[in-house]
């Protein structure tokens, strides 16, 4: 069973994951308005992935006999200056989530909840990938600058993203 303090900390992380999903969904809406369907698809799929991360923690709390306590999420930013600004914001968000996961990992280690530490290792590895991909997209957008042809090429490439199953994915989700 989870201690109250660890349960509370995981519930906070669940909220952060769902808030991240909401941010990516707002980014997707921005790209739809800008007629960039590849960027829209990529950010929408990222939103779905963040929901799956939240549900992975949700299931973990339930599996350990805890109580999930969902909290409201803030309204995300809905407008940006450019696709680059969107991905700079996304990368910054991923870096913040990484810090939150690391802090949670350290906290559960201090509490000697080794089972939760092991469960969080998946999230640590996932954040390495999230930051890597975000950095690559930011770098590519910086390389092309104001080149509209380059933007459309990146849009096409991002639109090819396939939905990959996530460990612990809820069936039918």
Foldseek 3Di string as FASTA:
>chain_A
DDDPVLLVLLLVLLQLLLLLLQQLQLVLVQCVVVVLNLSNQLSNLVSVVSNQVSVLSVVVCVVVVHDRDHDDHDHYDNYDPDPLRSLVVQLVSLVVSLVSLVVSLVVVVVVVPVVVNVSSVVVNVVSVVSNVVSVVVNVQCVVCPPPPVSSNVVSVVSNPDDRDDDVVGDPPD
